[in-house]
Amino acid sequence: MSLNNSYHEKLKLFFKEKGLSNKKVSEVLGYSETMIGRYLNGGANVDALFVIELIKLFPEIDLKYIFS
């Protein structure tokens, strides 16, 4: 993965590596599938509540890497 990848692309890769579809991510995090698609494709920026849920449900995620 290129160092220039956006956090959207890094999140998408994180979920792909976990074997999670957008539908499953939406169910797990409590967001609509449409919103997850927007987050992962760069159509919308994630909010603080999304990041909090992400940390709770995926404590192994490296936020420093994702958002750098």
N, C-alpha and C. Protein backbone atom coordinates (compact mmCIF):
# COMPACT_ATOMS: atom_id res chain seq x y z
N MET A 1 0.85 -1.18 0.00
CA MET A 1 0.00 0.00 0.00
C MET A 1 0.89 1.24 0.00
N SER A 2 0.54 2.17 -0.82
CA SER A 2 1.28 3.42 -0.93
C SER A 2 1.11 4.26 0.34
N LEU A 3 2.15 5.01 0.67
CA LEU A 3 2.05 5.89 1.82
C LEU A 3 1.09 7.04 1.59
N ASN A 4 0.70 7.27 0.34
CA ASN A 4 -0.20 8.37 0.02
C ASN A 4 -1.68 7.97 0.10
N ASN A 5 -1.96 6.72 0.47
CA ASN A 5 -3.35 6.30 0.56
C ASN A 5 -4.08 7.09 1.63
N SER A 6 -5.31 7.46 1.32
CA SER A 6 -6.12 8.19 2.28
C SER A 6 -6.60 7.25 3.39
N TYR A 7 -7.08 7.85 4.45
CA TYR A 7 -7.60 7.01 5.54
C TYR A 7 -8.80 6.21 5.07
N HIS A 8 -9.54 6.73 4.10
CA HIS A 8 -10.68 5.98 3.55
C HIS A 8 -10.19 4.65 2.98
N GLU A 9 -9.14 4.72 2.19
CA GLU A 9 -8.59 3.51 1.56
C GLU A 9 -8.00 2.56 2.61
N LYS A 10 -7.37 3.12 3.63
CA LYS A 10 -6.80 2.30 4.69
C LYS A 10 -7.88 1.60 5.49
N LEU A 11 -8.98 2.30 5.76
CA LEU A 11 -10.10 1.66 6.45
C LEU A 11 -10.70 0.55 5.60
N LYS A 12 -10.86 0.83 4.32
CA LYS A 12 -11.41 -0.18 3.40
C LYS A 12 -10.54 -1.42 3.42
N LEU A 13 -9.22 -1.25 3.36
CA LEU A 13 -8.29 -2.38 3.39
C LEU A 13 -8.36 -3.11 4.73
N PHE A 14 -8.46 -2.37 5.82
CA PHE A 14 -8.57 -2.99 7.14
C PHE A 14 -9.77 -3.94 7.19
N PHE A 15 -10.92 -3.47 6.74
CA PHE A 15 -12.13 -4.30 6.77
C PHE A 15 -12.03 -5.47 5.78
N LYS A 16 -11.42 -5.23 4.64
CA LYS A 16 -11.23 -6.30 3.66
C LYS A 16 -10.36 -7.40 4.24
N GLU A 17 -9.28 -7.01 4.93
CA GLU A 17 -8.39 -7.98 5.56
C GLU A 17 -9.10 -8.78 6.65
N LYS A 18 -10.10 -8.18 7.27
CA LYS A 18 -10.91 -8.86 8.29
C LYS A 18 -11.98 -9.74 7.65
N GLY A 19 -12.13 -9.63 6.32
CA GLY A 19 -13.15 -10.41 5.63
C GLY A 19 -14.54 -9.85 5.80
N LEU A 20 -14.64 -8.54 6.05
CA LEU A 20 -15.94 -7.91 6.31
C LEU A 20 -16.41 -7.11 5.10
N SER A 21 -17.61 -7.38 4.67
CA SER A 21 -18.24 -6.61 3.60
C SER A 21 -18.76 -5.30 4.18
N ASN A 22 -19.11 -4.37 3.30
CA ASN A 22 -19.71 -3.11 3.77
C ASN A 22 -20.98 -3.39 4.58
N LYS A 23 -21.74 -4.38 4.14
CA LYS A 23 -22.98 -4.71 4.85
C LYS A 23 -22.67 -5.18 6.27
N LYS A 24 -21.68 -6.05 6.41
CA LYS A 24 -21.32 -6.55 7.74
C LYS A 24 -20.75 -5.43 8.61
N VAL A 25 -19.92 -4.57 8.03
CA VAL A 25 -19.37 -3.44 8.78
C VAL A 25 -20.51 -2.55 9.27
N SER A 26 -21.49 -2.31 8.42
CA SER A 26 -22.61 -1.45 8.80
C SER A 26 -23.39 -2.08 9.96
N GLU A 27 -23.57 -3.40 9.92
CA GLU A 27 -24.29 -4.09 11.00
C GLU A 27 -23.50 -4.02 12.31
N VAL A 28 -22.21 -4.24 12.23
CA VAL A 28 -21.36 -4.27 13.42
C VAL A 28 -21.25 -2.89 14.06
N LEU A 29 -21.06 -1.85 13.23
CA LEU A 29 -20.85 -0.51 13.75
C LEU A 29 -22.14 0.28 13.96
N GLY A 30 -23.27 -0.22 13.43
CA GLY A 30 -24.54 0.45 13.63
C GLY A 30 -24.78 1.63 12.70
N TYR A 31 -24.16 1.61 11.53
CA TYR A 31 -24.35 2.65 10.51
C TYR A 31 -25.03 2.02 9.31
N SER A 32 -25.69 2.83 8.50
CA SER A 32 -26.31 2.30 7.29
C SER A 32 -25.22 1.84 6.33
N GLU A 33 -25.55 0.89 5.50
CA GLU A 33 -24.61 0.40 4.50
C GLU A 33 -24.20 1.52 3.54
N THR A 34 -25.14 2.40 3.25
CA THR A 34 -24.85 3.56 2.39
C THR A 34 -23.80 4.46 3.03
N MET A 35 -23.94 4.72 4.32
CA MET A 35 -22.99 5.59 5.00
C MET A 35 -21.61 4.94 5.05
N ILE A 36 -21.56 3.66 5.34
CA ILE A 36 -20.27 2.94 5.35
C ILE A 36 -19.62 3.03 3.98
N GLY A 37 -20.40 2.86 2.94
CA GLY A 37 -19.88 2.98 1.58
C GLY A 37 -19.29 4.37 1.34
N ARG A 38 -19.98 5.39 1.81
CA ARG A 38 -19.49 6.77 1.65
C ARG A 38 -18.19 6.97 2.43
N TYR A 39 -18.14 6.44 3.64
CA TYR A 39 -16.92 6.55 4.46
C TYR A 39 -15.74 5.85 3.78
N LEU A 40 -15.97 4.66 3.26
CA LEU A 40 -14.87 3.87 2.72
C LEU A 40 -14.47 4.27 1.31
N ASN A 41 -15.34 4.97 0.62
CA ASN A 41 -15.03 5.40 -0.75
C ASN A 41 -14.66 6.88 -0.83
N GLY A 42 -14.59 7.56 0.31
CA GLY A 42 -14.17 8.95 0.33
C GLY A 42 -15.27 9.95 0.07
N GLY A 43 -16.52 9.50 0.06
CA GLY A 43 -17.64 10.40 -0.17
C GLY A 43 -18.05 11.20 1.05
N ALA A 44 -17.55 10.77 2.21
CA ALA A 44 -17.85 11.46 3.47
C ALA A 44 -16.70 11.21 4.43
N ASN A 45 -16.49 12.16 5.31
CA ASN A 45 -15.47 12.00 6.34
C ASN A 45 -16.08 11.36 7.57
N VAL A 46 -15.31 10.47 8.20
CA VAL A 46 -15.81 9.82 9.42
C VAL A 46 -15.91 10.86 10.53
N ASP A 47 -16.82 10.59 11.46
CA ASP A 47 -16.97 11.49 12.61
C ASP A 47 -16.40 10.82 13.85
N ALA A 48 -16.35 11.57 14.94
CA ALA A 48 -15.77 11.07 16.19
C ALA A 48 -16.50 9.84 16.71
N LEU A 49 -17.82 9.80 16.58
CA LEU A 49 -18.57 8.64 17.07
C LEU A 49 -18.19 7.37 16.31
N PHE A 50 -17.95 7.50 15.01
CA PHE A 50 -17.52 6.36 14.20
C PHE A 50 -16.17 5.85 14.73
N VAL A 51 -15.25 6.75 14.98
CA VAL A 51 -13.92 6.37 15.46
C VAL A 51 -14.02 5.70 16.83
N ILE A 52 -14.86 6.21 17.69
CA ILE A 52 -15.05 5.61 19.02
C ILE A 52 -15.58 4.19 18.90
N GLU A 53 -16.58 3.99 18.06
CA GLU A 53 -17.12 2.64 17.85
C GLU A 53 -16.08 1.72 17.24
N LEU A 54 -15.31 2.25 16.33
CA LEU A 54 -14.24 1.49 15.67
C LEU A 54 -13.24 0.97 16.70
N ILE A 55 -12.84 1.84 17.60
CA ILE A 55 -11.87 1.45 18.65
C ILE A 55 -12.47 0.41 19.60
N LYS A 56 -13.74 0.60 19.96
CA LYS A 56 -14.39 -0.35 20.87
C LYS A 56 -14.47 -1.75 20.26
N LEU A 57 -14.86 -1.81 18.99
CA LEU A 57 -15.11 -3.09 18.35
C LEU A 57 -13.87 -3.72 17.70
N PHE A 58 -12.89 -2.89 17.39
CA PHE A 58 -11.66 -3.37 16.76
C PHE A 58 -10.45 -2.76 17.49
N PRO A 59 -10.21 -3.18 18.73
CA PRO A 59 -9.12 -2.56 19.52
C PRO A 59 -7.74 -2.74 18.89
N GLU A 60 -7.61 -3.68 17.99
CA GLU A 60 -6.32 -3.92 17.35
C GLU A 60 -6.00 -2.92 16.23
N ILE A 61 -6.97 -2.09 15.86
CA ILE A 61 -6.74 -1.14 14.76
C ILE A 61 -5.69 -0.10 15.16
N ASP A 62 -4.84 0.21 14.21
CA ASP A 62 -3.77 1.20 14.43
C ASP A 62 -4.23 2.54 13.87
N LEU A 63 -4.86 3.34 14.73
CA LEU A 63 -5.39 4.62 14.27
C LEU A 63 -4.30 5.59 13.82
N LYS A 64 -3.14 5.49 14.43
CA LYS A 64 -2.03 6.35 14.01
C LYS A 64 -1.71 6.08 12.55
N TYR A 65 -1.66 4.81 12.17
CA TYR A 65 -1.41 4.46 10.77
C TYR A 65 -2.58 4.89 9.88
N ILE A 66 -3.79 4.57 10.30
CA ILE A 66 -4.98 4.85 9.49
C ILE A 66 -5.07 6.33 9.16
N PHE A 67 -4.86 7.18 10.13
CA PHE A 67 -5.06 8.61 9.94
C PHE A 67 -3.79 9.41 9.65
N SER A 68 -2.69 8.70 9.34
CA SER A 68 -1.46 9.42 8.99
C SER A 68 -1.27 9.46 7.48
